[in-house]
Amino acid sequence: MRVALAILTLTAVVAVVMPPRAHAGLGDSCTLTLSTTGTLKMSMQGNTLGSETGGGAALMTVVAVGTRPSLTFSAPQLSGPGNSGTSVTSMAFSTLSGINSGYTSSGAVIQLGTLLDTVTINARVVNTQGFRSGTYQITSTVTCQQ
């Protein structure tokens, strides 16, 4: 089986939270920058498409002002040609500040310990029946809250 192209993408939603003003100054804000969308590659066994099977992880920079940010990721969604069997799509996260999560197929919340951090997002989809030839994409939406 041949996969023409597989891409891991994230949709970043920037949330700016401004508390009621008791004094002049900056409120809480958070900026997410996706510097690398990531790529998926087929495993040697042909039953896994993933960023850790020869593809590449997505990289996102977080810059916050005010309080430490919390990132909320939606459950990863797979798009591409229909396949027989059941596919399980999941993502894992790690940060430069030391946060590491295992793979999860549901949404995730990460409480960052710093105001500036880089998040590495790996994704994979497993289907014991394999994959049809075509283009596949795993997507997730991330929001930043403070």
N, C-alpha and C. Protein backbone atom coordinates (compact mmCIF):
# COMPACT_ATOMS: atom_id res chain seq x y z
N MET A 1 0.82 -1.17 0.00
CA MET A 1 0.00 0.00 0.00
C MET A 1 0.87 1.24 0.00
N ARG A 2 0.44 2.22 -0.74
CA ARG A 2 1.20 3.44 -0.89
C ARG A 2 0.35 4.61 -0.45
N VAL A 3 0.92 5.46 0.36
CA VAL A 3 0.24 6.67 0.78
C VAL A 3 0.91 7.83 0.07
N ALA A 4 0.14 8.57 -0.71
CA ALA A 4 0.71 9.66 -1.50
C ALA A 4 1.26 10.77 -0.63
N LEU A 5 0.51 11.20 0.34
CA LEU A 5 0.92 12.30 1.20
C LEU A 5 0.13 12.23 2.49
N ALA A 6 0.79 12.44 3.58
CA ALA A 6 0.11 12.46 4.87
C ALA A 6 0.62 13.63 5.68
N ILE A 7 -0.29 14.40 6.23
CA ILE A 7 0.08 15.63 6.92
C ILE A 7 -0.61 15.69 8.28
N LEU A 8 0.12 16.14 9.26
CA LEU A 8 -0.43 16.43 10.58
C LEU A 8 -0.59 17.93 10.68
N THR A 9 -1.79 18.42 10.97
CA THR A 9 -1.98 19.87 11.08
C THR A 9 -2.72 20.20 12.36
N LEU A 10 -2.49 21.38 12.84
CA LEU A 10 -3.22 21.92 13.98
C LEU A 10 -3.83 23.24 13.58
N THR A 11 -4.98 23.52 14.10
CA THR A 11 -5.58 24.82 13.93
C THR A 11 -5.43 25.54 15.26
N ALA A 12 -4.68 26.61 15.27
CA ALA A 12 -4.45 27.35 16.51
C ALA A 12 -5.50 28.45 16.65
N VAL A 13 -6.12 28.49 17.79
CA VAL A 13 -7.07 29.54 18.11
C VAL A 13 -6.48 30.36 19.23
N VAL A 14 -6.28 31.63 18.97
CA VAL A 14 -5.67 32.50 19.97
C VAL A 14 -6.76 33.12 20.83
N ALA A 15 -6.61 32.98 22.12
CA ALA A 15 -7.56 33.56 23.05
C ALA A 15 -6.87 34.66 23.84
N VAL A 16 -7.44 35.83 23.82
CA VAL A 16 -6.91 36.93 24.61
C VAL A 16 -7.94 37.22 25.69
N VAL A 17 -7.53 37.07 26.93
CA VAL A 17 -8.42 37.28 28.06
C VAL A 17 -7.99 38.54 28.78
N MET A 18 -8.87 39.49 28.86
CA MET A 18 -8.56 40.74 29.54
C MET A 18 -9.42 40.84 30.80
N PRO A 19 -8.81 40.79 31.99
CA PRO A 19 -9.60 40.88 33.22
C PRO A 19 -10.08 42.31 33.43
N PRO A 20 -11.07 42.50 34.30
CA PRO A 20 -11.50 43.86 34.61
C PRO A 20 -10.31 44.67 35.09
N ARG A 21 -10.26 45.92 34.68
CA ARG A 21 -9.11 46.77 34.99
C ARG A 21 -9.24 47.45 36.35
N ALA A 22 -8.37 47.10 37.25
CA ALA A 22 -8.27 47.80 38.52
C ALA A 22 -7.13 48.81 38.43
N HIS A 23 -6.22 48.55 37.46
CA HIS A 23 -5.08 49.43 37.26
C HIS A 23 -4.66 49.33 35.81
N ALA A 24 -3.90 50.29 35.36
CA ALA A 24 -3.41 50.27 33.99
C ALA A 24 -2.31 49.22 33.86
N GLY A 25 -2.23 48.55 32.75
CA GLY A 25 -1.19 47.56 32.52
C GLY A 25 -1.70 46.51 31.57
N LEU A 26 -0.86 45.56 31.26
CA LEU A 26 -1.25 44.49 30.35
C LEU A 26 -2.08 43.44 31.07
N GLY A 27 -3.07 42.93 30.39
CA GLY A 27 -3.85 41.82 30.92
C GLY A 27 -3.23 40.52 30.44
N ASP A 28 -3.91 39.43 30.69
CA ASP A 28 -3.45 38.13 30.22
C ASP A 28 -3.63 38.05 28.71
N SER A 29 -2.64 37.52 28.03
CA SER A 29 -2.76 37.25 26.61
C SER A 29 -1.90 36.05 26.26
N CYS A 30 -2.25 35.42 25.15
CA CYS A 30 -1.55 34.21 24.75
C CYS A 30 -1.51 34.16 23.23
N THR A 31 -0.33 33.90 22.68
CA THR A 31 -0.17 33.78 21.23
C THR A 31 0.40 32.40 20.91
N LEU A 32 -0.25 31.71 19.98
CA LEU A 32 0.19 30.39 19.55
C LEU A 32 0.69 30.51 18.12
N THR A 33 1.89 29.99 17.87
CA THR A 33 2.45 30.02 16.52
C THR A 33 2.85 28.61 16.12
N LEU A 34 2.24 28.13 15.06
CA LEU A 34 2.55 26.79 14.55
C LEU A 34 3.67 26.94 13.53
N SER A 35 4.88 26.59 13.92
CA SER A 35 6.03 26.76 13.03
C SER A 35 6.22 25.59 12.08
N THR A 36 5.76 24.41 12.47
CA THR A 36 5.85 23.21 11.64
C THR A 36 4.53 22.45 11.76
N THR A 37 3.91 22.13 10.62
CA THR A 37 2.63 21.42 10.66
C THR A 37 2.79 19.93 10.93
N GLY A 38 3.94 19.37 10.64
CA GLY A 38 4.18 17.95 10.88
C GLY A 38 3.83 17.11 9.66
N THR A 39 4.42 15.91 9.61
CA THR A 39 4.14 14.97 8.53
C THR A 39 3.96 13.56 9.10
N LEU A 40 3.19 12.78 8.40
CA LEU A 40 2.94 11.39 8.78
C LEU A 40 3.59 10.48 7.76
N LYS A 41 4.07 9.33 8.23
CA LYS A 41 4.68 8.35 7.34
C LYS A 41 4.19 6.96 7.73
N MET A 42 4.08 6.09 6.74
CA MET A 42 3.62 4.73 6.96
C MET A 42 4.70 3.91 7.67
N SER A 43 4.28 3.08 8.61
CA SER A 43 5.20 2.17 9.28
C SER A 43 5.59 1.03 8.33
N MET A 44 6.66 0.34 8.66
CA MET A 44 7.11 -0.79 7.85
C MET A 44 6.04 -1.89 7.76
N GLN A 45 5.25 -2.05 8.82
CA GLN A 45 4.21 -3.07 8.85
C GLN A 45 2.98 -2.66 8.03
N GLY A 46 2.85 -1.37 7.71
CA GLY A 46 1.73 -0.89 6.91
C GLY A 46 0.44 -0.67 7.67
N ASN A 47 0.48 -0.72 9.01
CA ASN A 47 -0.75 -0.54 9.77
C ASN A 47 -0.75 0.73 10.63
N THR A 48 0.30 1.54 10.54
CA THR A 48 0.37 2.77 11.31
C THR A 48 0.88 3.91 10.44
N LEU A 49 0.17 5.02 10.46
CA LEU A 49 0.65 6.28 9.89
C LEU A 49 1.00 7.15 11.08
N GLY A 50 2.21 7.69 11.11
CA GLY A 50 2.57 8.48 12.28
C GLY A 50 3.71 9.43 12.05
N SER A 51 3.80 10.40 12.93
CA SER A 51 4.90 11.37 12.89
C SER A 51 6.17 10.77 13.47
N GLU A 52 6.06 9.70 14.25
CA GLU A 52 7.24 9.06 14.84
C GLU A 52 7.68 7.82 14.08
N THR A 53 7.04 7.54 12.94
CA THR A 53 7.44 6.39 12.11
C THR A 53 8.16 6.89 10.86
N GLY A 54 8.97 7.92 11.03
CA GLY A 54 9.73 8.49 9.91
C GLY A 54 9.18 9.81 9.42
N GLY A 55 8.04 10.23 9.94
CA GLY A 55 7.47 11.53 9.58
C GLY A 55 8.12 12.61 10.43
N GLY A 56 7.38 13.61 10.80
CA GLY A 56 7.90 14.67 11.65
C GLY A 56 6.81 15.27 12.51
N ALA A 57 7.16 15.66 13.72
CA ALA A 57 6.20 16.23 14.67
C ALA A 57 5.81 17.66 14.28
N ALA A 58 4.65 18.09 14.73
CA ALA A 58 4.25 19.49 14.62
C ALA A 58 4.89 20.24 15.78
N LEU A 59 5.31 21.48 15.55
CA LEU A 59 5.91 22.31 16.59
C LEU A 59 5.12 23.59 16.74
N MET A 60 4.80 23.93 17.99
CA MET A 60 4.03 25.13 18.27
C MET A 60 4.70 25.93 19.39
N THR A 61 4.87 27.22 19.16
CA THR A 61 5.43 28.11 20.17
C THR A 61 4.30 28.80 20.90
N VAL A 62 4.43 28.90 22.23
CA VAL A 62 3.44 29.57 23.06
C VAL A 62 4.13 30.75 23.74
N VAL A 63 3.56 31.94 23.55
CA VAL A 63 4.06 33.14 24.22
C VAL A 63 2.89 33.74 24.97
N ALA A 64 3.01 33.83 26.29
CA ALA A 64 1.93 34.34 27.12
C ALA A 64 2.41 35.53 27.94
N VAL A 65 1.47 36.39 28.28
CA VAL A 65 1.71 37.52 29.17
C VAL A 65 0.71 37.39 30.31
N GLY A 66 1.15 37.57 31.52
CA GLY A 66 0.25 37.49 32.67
C GLY A 66 0.41 36.18 33.39
N THR A 67 -0.66 35.39 33.42
CA THR A 67 -0.64 34.12 34.15
C THR A 67 -0.26 32.96 33.22
N ARG A 68 0.15 31.87 33.83
CA ARG A 68 0.55 30.68 33.07
C ARG A 68 -0.62 30.19 32.22
N PRO A 69 -0.36 29.85 30.96
CA PRO A 69 -1.45 29.43 30.08
C PRO A 69 -1.79 27.96 30.21
N SER A 70 -3.01 27.65 29.83
CA SER A 70 -3.50 26.29 29.73
C SER A 70 -3.89 26.07 28.27
N LEU A 71 -3.38 24.99 27.67
CA LEU A 71 -3.70 24.67 26.29
C LEU A 71 -4.72 23.54 26.25
N THR A 72 -5.77 23.71 25.46
CA THR A 72 -6.79 22.68 25.29
C THR A 72 -6.76 22.22 23.84
N PHE A 73 -6.52 20.92 23.64
CA PHE A 73 -6.49 20.32 22.32
C PHE A 73 -7.76 19.52 22.11
N SER A 74 -8.40 19.71 20.95
CA SER A 74 -9.56 18.87 20.63
C SER A 74 -9.08 17.47 20.27
N ALA A 75 -9.99 16.51 20.31
CA ALA A 75 -9.65 15.14 19.94
C ALA A 75 -9.15 15.13 18.49
N PRO A 76 -8.10 14.38 18.19
CA PRO A 76 -7.58 14.36 16.82
C PRO A 76 -8.58 13.70 15.87
N GLN A 77 -8.68 14.28 14.69
CA GLN A 77 -9.60 13.78 13.67
C GLN A 77 -8.82 13.38 12.43
N LEU A 78 -9.15 12.22 11.87
CA LEU A 78 -8.51 11.72 10.67
C LEU A 78 -9.40 12.00 9.47
N SER A 79 -8.78 12.50 8.40
CA SER A 79 -9.49 12.63 7.13
C SER A 79 -8.64 11.95 6.06
N GLY A 80 -9.29 11.39 5.09
CA GLY A 80 -8.60 10.70 4.02
C GLY A 80 -9.50 9.64 3.42
N PRO A 81 -8.96 8.81 2.54
CA PRO A 81 -9.76 7.75 1.92
C PRO A 81 -10.35 6.82 2.98
N GLY A 82 -11.52 6.31 2.73
CA GLY A 82 -12.12 5.37 3.67
C GLY A 82 -11.31 4.09 3.73
N ASN A 83 -11.25 3.50 4.89
CA ASN A 83 -10.50 2.25 5.09
C ASN A 83 -11.42 1.22 5.70
N SER A 84 -11.12 -0.04 5.44
CA SER A 84 -11.85 -1.09 6.14
C SER A 84 -11.23 -1.23 7.52
N GLY A 85 -11.95 -1.83 8.42
CA GLY A 85 -11.44 -1.97 9.78
C GLY A 85 -11.66 -0.70 10.58
N THR A 86 -11.16 -0.70 11.78
CA THR A 86 -11.33 0.43 12.69
C THR A 86 -10.00 1.15 12.86
N SER A 87 -10.04 2.46 12.66
CA SER A 87 -8.85 3.29 12.85
C SER A 87 -8.91 3.95 14.22
N VAL A 88 -7.76 4.00 14.91
CA VAL A 88 -7.65 4.71 16.18
C VAL A 88 -6.63 5.83 15.97
N THR A 89 -7.10 7.07 16.11
CA THR A 89 -6.26 8.25 15.90
C THR A 89 -5.92 8.85 17.26
N SER A 90 -4.64 9.16 17.48
CA SER A 90 -4.23 9.69 18.79
C SER A 90 -3.08 10.67 18.63
N MET A 91 -2.86 11.46 19.68
CA MET A 91 -1.78 12.45 19.72
C MET A 91 -1.07 12.38 21.06
N ALA A 92 0.21 12.81 21.06
CA ALA A 92 1.01 12.90 22.29
C ALA A 92 1.71 14.25 22.28
N PHE A 93 1.98 14.79 23.47
CA PHE A 93 2.53 16.14 23.61
C PHE A 93 3.76 16.12 24.50
N SER A 94 4.72 16.98 24.18
CA SER A 94 5.85 17.23 25.07
C SER A 94 6.22 18.70 24.93
N THR A 95 6.81 19.25 26.00
CA THR A 95 7.20 20.66 25.97
C THR A 95 8.67 20.79 26.38
N LEU A 96 9.27 21.91 26.00
CA LEU A 96 10.65 22.18 26.41
C LEU A 96 10.76 22.31 27.92
N SER A 97 9.66 22.73 28.58
CA SER A 97 9.68 22.89 30.03
C SER A 97 9.52 21.57 30.78
N GLY A 98 9.39 20.45 30.05
CA GLY A 98 9.40 19.15 30.73
C GLY A 98 8.09 18.40 30.82
N ILE A 99 7.03 18.88 30.23
CA ILE A 99 5.76 18.16 30.26
C ILE A 99 5.79 17.10 29.17
N ASN A 100 5.41 15.88 29.52
CA ASN A 100 5.32 14.78 28.57
C ASN A 100 4.03 14.02 28.80
N SER A 101 3.30 13.76 27.73
CA SER A 101 2.07 12.97 27.85
C SER A 101 2.18 11.76 26.95
N GLY A 102 1.46 10.74 27.29
CA GLY A 102 1.36 9.59 26.41
C GLY A 102 0.34 9.87 25.33
N TYR A 103 0.19 8.94 24.41
CA TYR A 103 -0.80 9.10 23.34
C TYR A 103 -2.20 9.03 23.91
N THR A 104 -3.09 9.91 23.40
CA THR A 104 -4.49 9.91 23.78
C THR A 104 -5.34 10.14 22.54
N SER A 105 -6.48 9.46 22.49
CA SER A 105 -7.39 9.64 21.35
C SER A 105 -8.50 10.63 21.68
N SER A 106 -8.53 11.10 22.92
CA SER A 106 -9.50 12.12 23.29
C SER A 106 -8.79 13.47 23.37
N GLY A 107 -9.52 14.51 23.61
CA GLY A 107 -8.90 15.82 23.78
C GLY A 107 -7.99 15.84 24.99
N ALA A 108 -7.15 16.86 25.07
CA ALA A 108 -6.20 16.95 26.18
C ALA A 108 -6.06 18.39 26.63
N VAL A 109 -5.74 18.56 27.91
CA VAL A 109 -5.46 19.88 28.47
C VAL A 109 -4.06 19.83 29.07
N ILE A 110 -3.24 20.82 28.72
CA ILE A 110 -1.88 20.92 29.23
C ILE A 110 -1.75 22.25 29.97
N GLN A 111 -1.38 22.21 31.23
CA GLN A 111 -1.12 23.43 32.01
C GLN A 111 0.38 23.70 31.93
N LEU A 112 0.76 24.74 31.22
CA LEU A 112 2.17 25.07 31.07
C LEU A 112 2.71 25.69 32.35
N GLY A 113 3.97 25.43 32.62
CA GLY A 113 4.61 25.95 33.83
C GLY A 113 5.34 27.27 33.58
N THR A 114 5.41 27.69 32.31
CA THR A 114 6.12 28.92 31.97
C THR A 114 5.29 29.75 31.01
N LEU A 115 5.70 31.00 30.82
CA LEU A 115 4.99 31.89 29.90
C LEU A 115 5.49 31.75 28.47
N LEU A 116 6.65 31.14 28.29
CA LEU A 116 7.21 30.91 26.96
C LEU A 116 7.59 29.44 26.87
N ASP A 117 7.06 28.74 25.87
CA ASP A 117 7.34 27.32 25.75
C ASP A 117 7.15 26.88 24.30
N THR A 118 7.72 25.73 23.98
CA THR A 118 7.51 25.09 22.68
C THR A 118 6.89 23.73 22.93
N VAL A 119 5.81 23.46 22.19
CA VAL A 119 5.09 22.19 22.33
C VAL A 119 5.36 21.35 21.09
N THR A 120 5.78 20.12 21.29
CA THR A 120 5.96 19.15 20.22
C THR A 120 4.74 18.24 20.22
N ILE A 121 4.09 18.12 19.06
CA ILE A 121 2.88 17.31 18.95
C ILE A 121 3.13 16.17 17.97
N ASN A 122 3.05 14.96 18.46
CA ASN A 122 3.15 13.77 17.61
C ASN A 122 1.75 13.19 17.45
N ALA A 123 1.50 12.63 16.27
CA ALA A 123 0.18 12.03 16.01
C ALA A 123 0.37 10.72 15.26
N ARG A 124 -0.61 9.86 15.43
CA ARG A 124 -0.59 8.59 14.71
C ARG A 124 -2.01 8.08 14.54
N VAL A 125 -2.17 7.24 13.54
CA VAL A 125 -3.42 6.52 13.34
C VAL A 125 -3.03 5.07 13.08
N VAL A 126 -3.71 4.16 13.78
CA VAL A 126 -3.44 2.73 13.67
C VAL A 126 -4.69 2.05 13.11
N ASN A 127 -4.49 1.21 12.09
CA ASN A 127 -5.57 0.42 11.52
C ASN A 127 -4.98 -0.94 11.17
N THR A 128 -5.42 -1.98 11.86
CA THR A 128 -4.84 -3.31 11.66
C THR A 128 -5.05 -3.83 10.24
N GLN A 129 -6.03 -3.27 9.52
CA GLN A 129 -6.30 -3.69 8.14
C GLN A 129 -5.44 -2.91 7.12
N GLY A 130 -4.70 -1.91 7.59
CA GLY A 130 -3.88 -1.11 6.68
C GLY A 130 -4.64 0.08 6.13
N PHE A 131 -4.04 0.73 5.14
CA PHE A 131 -4.58 1.97 4.60
C PHE A 131 -4.64 1.92 3.08
N ARG A 132 -5.67 2.51 2.51
CA ARG A 132 -5.76 2.67 1.07
C ARG A 132 -4.81 3.77 0.63
N SER A 133 -4.41 3.72 -0.62
CA SER A 133 -3.56 4.76 -1.18
C SER A 133 -4.32 6.09 -1.17
N GLY A 134 -3.64 7.17 -0.84
CA GLY A 134 -4.27 8.47 -0.84
C GLY A 134 -3.62 9.43 0.14
N THR A 135 -4.25 10.55 0.32
CA THR A 135 -3.76 11.59 1.21
C THR A 135 -4.53 11.54 2.52
N TYR A 136 -3.82 11.51 3.63
CA TYR A 136 -4.41 11.46 4.97
C TYR A 136 -3.99 12.69 5.76
N GLN A 137 -4.86 13.12 6.66
CA GLN A 137 -4.55 14.28 7.48
C GLN A 137 -5.15 14.07 8.87
N ILE A 138 -4.36 14.37 9.90
CA ILE A 138 -4.85 14.36 11.28
C ILE A 138 -4.89 15.82 11.72
N THR A 139 -6.04 16.25 12.23
CA THR A 139 -6.18 17.63 12.65
C THR A 139 -6.66 17.71 14.10
N SER A 140 -6.30 18.80 14.74
CA SER A 140 -6.76 19.11 16.09
C SER A 140 -6.80 20.63 16.22
N THR A 141 -7.71 21.13 17.00
CA THR A 141 -7.78 22.57 17.28
C THR A 141 -7.28 22.79 18.69
N VAL A 142 -6.39 23.78 18.85
CA VAL A 142 -5.85 24.09 20.17
C VAL A 142 -6.25 25.51 20.54
N THR A 143 -6.66 25.68 21.79
CA THR A 143 -6.97 27.01 22.32
C THR A 143 -6.10 27.27 23.55
N CYS A 144 -5.84 28.52 23.79
CA CYS A 144 -5.04 28.93 24.93
C CYS A 144 -5.92 29.73 25.87
N GLN A 145 -5.89 29.37 27.14
CA GLN A 145 -6.69 30.07 28.15
C GLN A 145 -5.82 30.39 29.34
N GLN A 146 -6.18 31.47 30.01
CA GLN A 146 -5.44 31.87 31.22
C GLN A 146 -6.42 32.18 32.33
